[in-house]
Amino acid sequence: MEVYKQQSLGTNPDDAGSLDEKGAAAFLGCGSRKILEMRKSGTAPPHYRVGNRLRYPKHLLVQWMERAVVGSVPVWPRRKAEEQAEGSVA
């Protein structure tokens, strides 16, 4: 089991610390129910438990979001292919 070690993140007090589930959901821009679903599926952000409460370290949330970034796919090529397919059928 990996032990959580608090690291110094600079002088900004907003950078350090951890969030509860609602705070982590707001930080990630999703609902707390989505975090619950991710925990059940094993894809949740890193967290630790203090008693019966879950805590999400801010710096680990940022790292998790950076790893989760995927390239976007433009919508327009698919539309062109669909229009061409419709045009050739008619």
PDB file of N, CA and C in Angstrom:
ATOM      1  N   MET A   1       0.845  -1.183   0.000  1.00  0.00           N
ATOM      2  CA  MET A   1       0.000   0.000   0.000  1.00  0.00           C
ATOM      3  C   MET A   1       0.883   1.237   0.000  1.00  0.00           C
ATOM      4  N   GLU A   2       0.537   2.157  -0.834  1.00  0.00           N
ATOM      5  CA  GLU A   2       1.311   3.381  -0.949  1.00  0.00           C
ATOM      6  C   GLU A   2       0.926   4.342   0.162  1.00  0.00           C
ATOM      7  N   VAL A   3       1.911   4.864   0.837  1.00  0.00           N
ATOM      8  CA  VAL A   3       1.671   5.785   1.942  1.00  0.00           C
ATOM      9  C   VAL A   3       1.588   7.200   1.387  1.00  0.00           C
ATOM     10  N   TYR A   4       0.571   7.929   1.811  1.00  0.00           N
ATOM     11  CA  TYR A   4       0.403   9.308   1.370  1.00  0.00           C
ATOM     12  C   TYR A   4       1.371  10.197   2.114  1.00  0.00           C
ATOM     13  N   LYS A   5       2.165  10.941   1.350  1.00  0.00           N
ATOM     14  CA  LYS A   5       3.094  11.894   1.943  1.00  0.00           C
ATOM     15  C   LYS A   5       2.721  13.278   1.446  1.00  0.00           C
ATOM     16  N   GLN A   6       2.511  14.191   2.372  1.00  0.00           N
ATOM     17  CA  GLN A   6       2.185  15.551   1.981  1.00  0.00           C
ATOM     18  C   GLN A   6       3.452  16.232   1.502  1.00  0.00           C
ATOM     19  N   GLN A   7       3.364  16.879   0.368  1.00  0.00           N
ATOM     20  CA  GLN A   7       4.522  17.576  -0.164  1.00  0.00           C
ATOM     21  C   GLN A   7       4.245  19.065  -0.228  1.00  0.00           C
ATOM     22  N   SER A   8       5.310  19.817  -0.187  1.00  0.00           N
ATOM     23  CA  SER A   8       5.176  21.265  -0.263  1.00  0.00           C
ATOM     24  C   SER A   8       4.866  21.654  -1.700  1.00  0.00           C
ATOM     25  N   LEU A   9       3.820  22.435  -1.882  1.00  0.00           N
ATOM     26  CA  LEU A   9       3.401  22.801  -3.224  1.00  0.00           C
ATOM     27  C   LEU A   9       3.564  24.286  -3.496  1.00  0.00           C
ATOM     28  N   GLY A  10       4.330  24.956  -2.707  1.00  0.00           N
ATOM     29  CA  GLY A  10       4.529  26.381  -2.931  1.00  0.00           C
ATOM     30  C   GLY A  10       3.895  27.200  -1.828  1.00  0.00           C
ATOM     31  N   THR A  11       3.820  28.505  -2.070  1.00  0.00           N
ATOM     32  CA  THR A  11       3.324  29.399  -1.037  1.00  0.00           C
ATOM     33  C   THR A  11       1.821  29.630  -1.126  1.00  0.00           C
ATOM     34  N   ASN A  12       1.188  29.220  -2.214  1.00  0.00           N
ATOM     35  CA  ASN A  12      -0.246  29.424  -2.372  1.00  0.00           C
ATOM     36  C   ASN A  12      -1.005  28.426  -1.497  1.00  0.00           C
ATOM     37  N   PRO A  13      -1.786  28.888  -0.516  1.00  0.00           N
ATOM     38  CA  PRO A  13      -2.488  27.952   0.373  1.00  0.00           C
ATOM     39  C   PRO A  13      -3.552  27.135  -0.338  1.00  0.00           C
ATOM     40  N   ASP A  14      -4.032  27.608  -1.497  1.00  0.00           N
ATOM     41  CA  ASP A  14      -5.040  26.850  -2.237  1.00  0.00           C
ATOM     42  C   ASP A  14      -4.447  25.616  -2.913  1.00  0.00           C
ATOM     43  N   ASP A  15      -3.122  25.582  -3.085  1.00  0.00           N
ATOM     44  CA  ASP A  15      -2.487  24.457  -3.750  1.00  0.00           C
ATOM     45  C   ASP A  15      -2.358  23.249  -2.841  1.00  0.00           C
ATOM     46  N   ALA A  16      -2.236  23.460  -1.545  1.00  0.00           N
ATOM     47  CA  ALA A  16      -1.997  22.373  -0.607  1.00  0.00           C
ATOM     48  C   ALA A  16      -3.315  21.861  -0.041  1.00  0.00           C
ATOM     49  N   GLY A  17      -3.264  20.713   0.598  1.00  0.00           N
ATOM     50  CA  GLY A  17      -4.424  20.192   1.289  1.00  0.00           C
ATOM     51  C   GLY A  17      -5.187  19.169   0.492  1.00  0.00           C
ATOM     52  N   SER A  18      -6.317  18.794   1.052  1.00  0.00           N
ATOM     53  CA  SER A  18      -7.148  17.789   0.416  1.00  0.00           C
ATOM     54  C   SER A  18      -8.607  18.213   0.490  1.00  0.00           C
ATOM     55  N   LEU A  19      -9.423  17.558  -0.316  1.00  0.00           N
ATOM     56  CA  LEU A  19     -10.836  17.900  -0.418  1.00  0.00           C
ATOM     57  C   LEU A  19     -11.689  16.701  -0.039  1.00  0.00           C
ATOM     58  N   ASP A  20     -12.897  16.976   0.432  1.00  0.00           N
ATOM     59  CA  ASP A  20     -13.847  15.886   0.634  1.00  0.00           C
ATOM     60  C   ASP A  20     -14.447  15.523  -0.724  1.00  0.00           C
ATOM     61  N   GLU A  21     -15.379  14.582  -0.744  1.00  0.00           N
ATOM     62  CA  GLU A  21     -15.914  14.101  -2.021  1.00  0.00           C
ATOM     63  C   GLU A  21     -16.651  15.189  -2.788  1.00  0.00           C
ATOM     64  N   LYS A  22     -17.444  15.996  -2.101  1.00  0.00           N
ATOM     65  CA  LYS A  22     -18.153  17.089  -2.783  1.00  0.00           C
ATOM     66  C   LYS A  22     -17.177  18.118  -3.330  1.00  0.00           C
ATOM     67  N   GLY A  23     -16.157  18.454  -2.546  1.00  0.00           N
ATOM     68  CA  GLY A  23     -15.152  19.410  -3.002  1.00  0.00           C
ATOM     69  C   GLY A  23     -14.361  18.883  -4.184  1.00  0.00           C
ATOM     70  N   ALA A  24     -14.020  17.596  -4.153  1.00  0.00           N
ATOM     71  CA  ALA A  24     -13.287  16.985  -5.268  1.00  0.00           C
ATOM     72  C   ALA A  24     -14.149  16.975  -6.524  1.00  0.00           C
ATOM     73  N   ALA A  25     -15.447  16.694  -6.358  1.00  0.00           N
ATOM     74  CA  ALA A  25     -16.355  16.692  -7.506  1.00  0.00           C
ATOM     75  C   ALA A  25     -16.441  18.085  -8.120  1.00  0.00           C
ATOM     76  N   ALA A  26     -16.545  19.104  -7.284  1.00  0.00           N
ATOM     77  CA  ALA A  26     -16.591  20.479  -7.794  1.00  0.00           C
ATOM     78  C   ALA A  26     -15.279  20.837  -8.472  1.00  0.00           C
ATOM     79  N   PHE A  27     -14.169  20.419  -7.902  1.00  0.00           N
ATOM     80  CA  PHE A  27     -12.844  20.687  -8.466  1.00  0.00           C
ATOM     81  C   PHE A  27     -12.700  20.033  -9.839  1.00  0.00           C
ATOM     82  N   LEU A  28     -13.242  18.810  -9.991  1.00  0.00           N
ATOM     83  CA  LEU A  28     -13.146  18.083 -11.256  1.00  0.00           C
ATOM     84  C   LEU A  28     -14.235  18.474 -12.245  1.00  0.00           C
ATOM     85  N   GLY A  29     -15.265  19.173 -11.762  1.00  0.00           N
ATOM     86  CA  GLY A  29     -16.343  19.593 -12.652  1.00  0.00           C
ATOM     87  C   GLY A  29     -17.352  18.489 -12.921  1.00  0.00           C
ATOM     88  N   CYS A  30     -17.573  17.613 -11.952  1.00  0.00           N
ATOM     89  CA  CYS A  30     -18.567  16.554 -12.101  1.00  0.00           C
ATOM     90  C   CYS A  30     -19.352  16.454 -10.801  1.00  0.00           C
ATOM     91  N   GLY A  31     -20.277  15.539 -10.745  1.00  0.00           N
ATOM     92  CA  GLY A  31     -21.061  15.345  -9.532  1.00  0.00           C
ATOM     93  C   GLY A  31     -20.419  14.317  -8.614  1.00  0.00           C
ATOM     94  N   SER A  32     -20.790  14.358  -7.342  1.00  0.00           N
ATOM     95  CA  SER A  32     -20.229  13.393  -6.392  1.00  0.00           C
ATOM     96  C   SER A  32     -20.687  11.979  -6.727  1.00  0.00           C
ATOM     97  N   ARG A  33     -21.836  11.842  -7.372  1.00  0.00           N
ATOM     98  CA  ARG A  33     -22.303  10.517  -7.803  1.00  0.00           C
ATOM     99  C   ARG A  33     -21.368   9.927  -8.854  1.00  0.00           C
ATOM    100  N   LYS A  34     -20.846  10.766  -9.734  1.00  0.00           N
ATOM    101  CA  LYS A  34     -19.905  10.301 -10.760  1.00  0.00           C
ATOM    102  C   LYS A  34     -18.630   9.773 -10.106  1.00  0.00           C
ATOM    103  N   ILE A  35     -18.149  10.448  -9.067  1.00  0.00           N
ATOM    104  CA  ILE A  35     -16.956   9.974  -8.356  1.00  0.00           C
ATOM    105  C   ILE A  35     -17.252   8.632  -7.690  1.00  0.00           C
ATOM    106  N   LEU A  36     -18.450   8.479  -7.145  1.00  0.00           N
ATOM    107  CA  LEU A  36     -18.845   7.195  -6.548  1.00  0.00           C
ATOM    108  C   LEU A  36     -18.821   6.093  -7.606  1.00  0.00           C
ATOM    109  N   GLU A  37     -19.374   6.364  -8.782  1.00  0.00           N
ATOM    110  CA  GLU A  37     -19.374   5.377  -9.874  1.00  0.00           C
ATOM    111  C   GLU A  37     -17.938   5.032 -10.288  1.00  0.00           C
ATOM    112  N   MET A  38     -17.062   6.046 -10.350  1.00  0.00           N
ATOM    113  CA  MET A  38     -15.667   5.792 -10.715  1.00  0.00           C
ATOM    114  C   MET A  38     -14.973   4.949  -9.651  1.00  0.00           C
ATOM    115  N   ARG A  39     -15.282   5.194  -8.384  1.00  0.00           N
ATOM    116  CA  ARG A  39     -14.687   4.384  -7.318  1.00  0.00           C
ATOM    117  C   ARG A  39     -15.114   2.934  -7.441  1.00  0.00           C
ATOM    118  N   LYS A  40     -16.390   2.695  -7.742  1.00  0.00           N
ATOM    119  CA  LYS A  40     -16.896   1.331  -7.891  1.00  0.00           C
ATOM    120  C   LYS A  40     -16.247   0.620  -9.077  1.00  0.00           C
ATOM    121  N   SER A  41     -15.962   1.363 -10.151  1.00  0.00           N
ATOM    122  CA  SER A  41     -15.363   0.746 -11.339  1.00  0.00           C
ATOM    123  C   SER A  41     -13.838   0.710 -11.275  1.00  0.00           C
ATOM    124  N   GLY A  42     -13.248   1.351 -10.270  1.00  0.00           N
ATOM    125  CA  GLY A  42     -11.796   1.328 -10.121  1.00  0.00           C
ATOM    126  C   GLY A  42     -11.064   2.392 -10.913  1.00  0.00           C
ATOM    127  N   THR A  43     -11.783   3.392 -11.418  1.00  0.00           N
ATOM    128  CA  THR A  43     -11.153   4.450 -12.211  1.00  0.00           C
ATOM    129  C   THR A  43     -11.155   5.798 -11.502  1.00  0.00           C
ATOM    130  N   ALA A  44     -11.429   5.799 -10.216  1.00  0.00           N
ATOM    131  CA  ALA A  44     -11.539   7.046  -9.454  1.00  0.00           C
ATOM    132  C   ALA A  44     -10.180   7.701  -9.259  1.00  0.00           C
ATOM    133  N   PRO A  45     -10.182   9.004  -9.010  1.00  0.00           N
ATOM    134  CA  PRO A  45      -8.934   9.687  -8.686  1.00  0.00           C
ATOM    135  C   PRO A  45      -8.353   9.144  -7.385  1.00  0.00           C
ATOM    136  N   PRO A  46      -7.047   9.315  -7.162  1.00  0.00           N
ATOM    137  CA  PRO A  46      -6.424   8.829  -5.935  1.00  0.00           C
ATOM    138  C   PRO A  46      -7.037   9.474  -4.698  1.00  0.00           C
ATOM    139  N   HIS A  47      -7.268   8.664  -3.690  1.00  0.00           N
ATOM    140  CA  HIS A  47      -7.869   9.148  -2.458  1.00  0.00           C
ATOM    141  C   HIS A  47      -7.370   8.299  -1.294  1.00  0.00           C
ATOM    142  N   TYR A  48      -7.623   8.777  -0.109  1.00  0.00           N
ATOM    143  CA  TYR A  48      -7.308   8.007   1.084  1.00  0.00           C
ATOM    144  C   TYR A  48      -8.455   8.160   2.072  1.00  0.00           C
ATOM    145  N   ARG A  49      -8.509   7.284   3.032  1.00  0.00           N
ATOM    146  CA  ARG A  49      -9.603   7.263   3.989  1.00  0.00           C
ATOM    147  C   ARG A  49      -9.098   7.663   5.369  1.00  0.00           C
ATOM    148  N   VAL A  50      -9.828   8.561   6.010  1.00  0.00           N
ATOM    149  CA  VAL A  50      -9.568   8.939   7.400  1.00  0.00           C
ATOM    150  C   VAL A  50     -10.843   8.584   8.160  1.00  0.00           C
ATOM    151  N   GLY A  51     -10.790   7.496   8.907  1.00  0.00           N
ATOM    152  CA  GLY A  51     -11.999   7.006   9.562  1.00  0.00           C
ATOM    153  C   GLY A  51     -12.979   6.545   8.508  1.00  0.00           C
ATOM    154  N   ASN A  52     -14.161   7.135   8.482  1.00  0.00           N
ATOM    155  CA  ASN A  52     -15.140   6.772   7.462  1.00  0.00           C
ATOM    156  C   ASN A  52     -15.260   7.848   6.380  1.00  0.00           C
ATOM    157  N   ARG A  53     -14.312   8.743   6.326  1.00  0.00           N
ATOM    158  CA  ARG A  53     -14.350   9.838   5.347  1.00  0.00           C
ATOM    159  C   ARG A  53     -13.257   9.676   4.304  1.00  0.00           C
ATOM    160  N   LEU A  54     -13.604  10.000   3.068  1.00  0.00           N
ATOM    161  CA  LEU A  54     -12.629   9.963   1.978  1.00  0.00           C
ATOM    162  C   LEU A  54     -12.049  11.347   1.775  1.00  0.00           C
ATOM    163  N   ARG A  55     -10.767  11.413   1.501  1.00  0.00           N
ATOM    164  CA  ARG A  55     -10.091  12.678   1.229  1.00  0.00           C
ATOM    165  C   ARG A  55      -9.349  12.550  -0.099  1.00  0.00           C
ATOM    166  N   TYR A  56      -9.381  13.612  -0.885  1.00  0.00           N
ATOM    167  CA  TYR A  56      -8.739  13.664  -2.197  1.00  0.00           C
ATOM    168  C   TYR A  56      -7.685  14.761  -2.174  1.00  0.00           C
ATOM    169  N   PRO A  57      -6.395  14.404  -2.145  1.00  0.00           N
ATOM    170  CA  PRO A  57      -5.344  15.433  -2.165  1.00  0.00           C
ATOM    171  C   PRO A  57      -5.399  16.216  -3.483  1.00  0.00           C
ATOM    172  N   LYS A  58      -5.365  17.539  -3.375  1.00  0.00           N
ATOM    173  CA  LYS A  58      -5.483  18.392  -4.569  1.00  0.00           C
ATOM    174  C   LYS A  58      -4.393  18.112  -5.596  1.00  0.00           C
ATOM    175  N   HIS A  59      -3.151  17.969  -5.140  1.00  0.00           N
ATOM    176  CA  HIS A  59      -2.072  17.776  -6.109  1.00  0.00           C
ATOM    177  C   HIS A  59      -2.221  16.450  -6.843  1.00  0.00           C
ATOM    178  N   LEU A  60      -2.790  15.430  -6.205  1.00  0.00           N
ATOM    179  CA  LEU A  60      -3.018  14.156  -6.892  1.00  0.00           C
ATOM    180  C   LEU A  60      -4.207  14.234  -7.845  1.00  0.00           C
ATOM    181  N   LEU A  61      -5.197  15.073  -7.525  1.00  0.00           N
ATOM    182  CA  LEU A  61      -6.304  15.296  -8.460  1.00  0.00           C
ATOM    183  C   LEU A  61      -5.799  15.942  -9.751  1.00  0.00           C
ATOM    184  N   VAL A  62      -4.899  16.918  -9.598  1.00  0.00           N
ATOM    185  CA  VAL A  62      -4.342  17.592 -10.777  1.00  0.00           C
ATOM    186  C   VAL A  62      -3.555  16.597 -11.623  1.00  0.00           C
ATOM    187  N   GLN A  63      -2.716  15.766 -10.979  1.00  0.00           N
ATOM    188  CA  GLN A  63      -1.953  14.761 -11.720  1.00  0.00           C
ATOM    189  C   GLN A  63      -2.886  13.762 -12.407  1.00  0.00           C
ATOM    190  N   TRP A  64      -3.943  13.351 -11.737  1.00  0.00           N
ATOM    191  CA  TRP A  64      -4.900  12.403 -12.309  1.00  0.00           C
ATOM    192  C   TRP A  64      -5.586  13.006 -13.532  1.00  0.00           C
ATOM    193  N   MET A  65      -5.965  14.294 -13.443  1.00  0.00           N
ATOM    194  CA  MET A  65      -6.601  14.957 -14.581  1.00  0.00           C
ATOM    195  C   MET A  65      -5.637  15.063 -15.756  1.00  0.00           C
ATOM    196  N   GLU A  66      -4.365  15.357 -15.487  1.00  0.00           N
ATOM    197  CA  GLU A  66      -3.387  15.476 -16.566  1.00  0.00           C
ATOM    198  C   GLU A  66      -3.198  14.143 -17.284  1.00  0.00           C
ATOM    199  N   ARG A  67      -3.226  13.031 -16.541  1.00  0.00           N
ATOM    200  CA  ARG A  67      -3.088  11.718 -17.168  1.00  0.00           C
ATOM    201  C   ARG A  67      -4.341  11.320 -17.930  1.00  0.00           C
ATOM    202  N   ALA A  68      -5.490  11.869 -17.540  1.00  0.00           N
ATOM    203  CA  ALA A  68      -6.757  11.492 -18.157  1.00  0.00           C
ATOM    204  C   ALA A  68      -7.057  12.287 -19.428  1.00  0.00           C
ATOM    205  N   VAL A  69      -6.238  13.263 -19.763  1.00  0.00           N
ATOM    206  CA  VAL A  69      -6.482  14.084 -20.946  1.00  0.00           C
ATOM    207  C   VAL A  69      -6.286  13.240 -22.196  1.00  0.00           C
ATOM    208  N   VAL A  70      -7.267  13.309 -23.087  1.00  0.00           N
ATOM    209  CA  VAL A  70      -7.181  12.600 -24.367  1.00  0.00           C
ATOM    210  C   VAL A  70      -7.337  13.616 -25.490  1.00  0.00           C
ATOM    211  N   GLY A  71      -6.858  13.267 -26.643  1.00  0.00           N
ATOM    212  CA  GLY A  71      -6.997  14.162 -27.787  1.00  0.00           C
ATOM    213  C   GLY A  71      -8.446  14.220 -28.241  1.00  0.00           C
ATOM    214  N   SER A  72      -8.861  15.352 -28.715  1.00  0.00           N
ATOM    215  CA  SER A  72     -10.234  15.486 -29.179  1.00  0.00           C
ATOM    216  C   SER A  72     -10.313  15.102 -30.660  1.00  0.00           C
ATOM    217  N   VAL A  73     -11.469  14.635 -31.046  1.00  0.00           N
ATOM    218  CA  VAL A  73     -11.709  14.245 -32.429  1.00  0.00           C
ATOM    219  C   VAL A  73     -12.698  15.236 -33.011  1.00  0.00           C
ATOM    220  N   PRO A  74     -12.352  15.872 -34.133  1.00  0.00           N
ATOM    221  CA  PRO A  74     -13.287  16.830 -34.712  1.00  0.00           C
ATOM    222  C   PRO A  74     -14.541  16.128 -35.232  1.00  0.00           C
ATOM    223  N   VAL A  75     -15.655  16.826 -35.174  1.00  0.00           N
ATOM    224  CA  VAL A  75     -16.925  16.241 -35.590  1.00  0.00           C
ATOM    225  C   VAL A  75     -17.100  16.316 -37.101  1.00  0.00           C
ATOM    226  N   TRP A  76     -16.525  17.313 -37.733  1.00  0.00           N
ATOM    227  CA  TRP A  76     -16.817  17.544 -39.151  1.00  0.00           C
ATOM    228  C   TRP A  76     -16.423  16.414 -40.096  1.00  0.00           C
ATOM    229  N   PRO A  77     -15.349  15.644 -39.915  1.00  0.00           N
ATOM    230  CA  PRO A  77     -15.080  14.573 -40.889  1.00  0.00           C
ATOM    231  C   PRO A  77     -16.187  13.522 -40.927  1.00  0.00           C
ATOM    232  N   ARG A  78     -16.768  13.218 -39.782  1.00  0.00           N
ATOM    233  CA  ARG A  78     -17.834  12.227 -39.744  1.00  0.00           C
ATOM    234  C   ARG A  78     -19.058  12.760 -40.479  1.00  0.00           C
ATOM    235  N   ARG A  79     -19.357  14.036 -40.306  1.00  0.00           N
ATOM    236  CA  ARG A  79     -20.505  14.611 -41.002  1.00  0.00           C
ATOM    237  C   ARG A  79     -20.308  14.549 -42.512  1.00  0.00           C
ATOM    238  N   LYS A  80     -19.107  14.854 -42.980  1.00  0.00           N
ATOM    239  CA  LYS A  80     -18.848  14.796 -44.409  1.00  0.00           C
ATOM    240  C   LYS A  80     -19.045  13.381 -44.938  1.00  0.00           C
ATOM    241  N   ALA A  81     -18.554  12.394 -44.184  1.00  0.00           N
ATOM    242  CA  ALA A  81     -18.699  11.006 -44.612  1.00  0.00           C
ATOM    243  C   ALA A  81     -20.168  10.610 -44.648  1.00  0.00           C
ATOM    244  N   GLU A  82     -20.955  11.049 -43.672  1.00  0.00           N
ATOM    245  CA  GLU A  82     -22.381  10.734 -43.646  1.00  0.00           C
ATOM    246  C   GLU A  82     -23.104  11.408 -44.815  1.00  0.00           C
ATOM    247  N   GLU A  83     -22.743  12.670 -45.120  1.00  0.00           N
ATOM    248  CA  GLU A  83     -23.385  13.385 -46.237  1.00  0.00           C
ATOM    249  C   GLU A  83     -23.040  12.709 -47.559  1.00  0.00           C
ATOM    250  N   GLN A  84     -21.809  12.275 -47.726  1.00  0.00           N
ATOM    251  CA  GLN A  84     -21.417  11.601 -48.950  1.00  0.00           C
ATOM    252  C   GLN A  84     -22.154  10.275 -49.099  1.00  0.00           C
ATOM    253  N   ALA A  85     -22.317   9.564 -47.999  1.00  0.00           N
ATOM    254  CA  ALA A  85     -23.030   8.285 -48.046  1.00  0.00           C
ATOM    255  C   ALA A  85     -24.496   8.510 -48.402  1.00  0.00           C
ATOM    256  N   GLU A  86     -25.109   9.561 -47.857  1.00  0.00           N
ATOM    257  CA  GLU A  86     -26.505   9.876 -48.166  1.00  0.00           C
ATOM    258  C   GLU A  86     -26.641  10.308 -49.616  1.00  0.00           C
ATOM    259  N   GLY A  87     -25.681  11.068 -50.125  1.00  0.00           N
ATOM    260  CA  GLY A  87     -25.731  11.544 -51.496  1.00  0.00           C
ATOM    261  C   GLY A  87     -25.581  10.438 -52.509  1.00  0.00           C
ATOM    262  N   SER A  88     -24.775   9.420 -52.193  1.00  0.00           N
ATOM    263  CA  SER A  88     -24.565   8.330 -53.135  1.00  0.00           C
ATOM    264  C   SER A  88     -25.726   7.367 -53.145  1.00  0.00           C
ATOM    265  N   VAL A  89     -26.516   7.295 -52.062  1.00  0.00           N
ATOM    266  CA  VAL A  89     -27.654   6.386 -51.983  1.00  0.00           C
ATOM    267  C   VAL A  89     -28.824   6.938 -52.766  1.00  0.00           C
ATOM    268  N   ALA A  90     -29.053   8.232 -52.734  1.00  0.00           N
ATOM    269  CA  ALA A  90     -30.219   8.860 -53.370  1.00  0.00           C
ATOM    270  C   ALA A  90     -30.129   8.916 -54.846  1.00  0.00           C
TER     271      ALA A  90
END
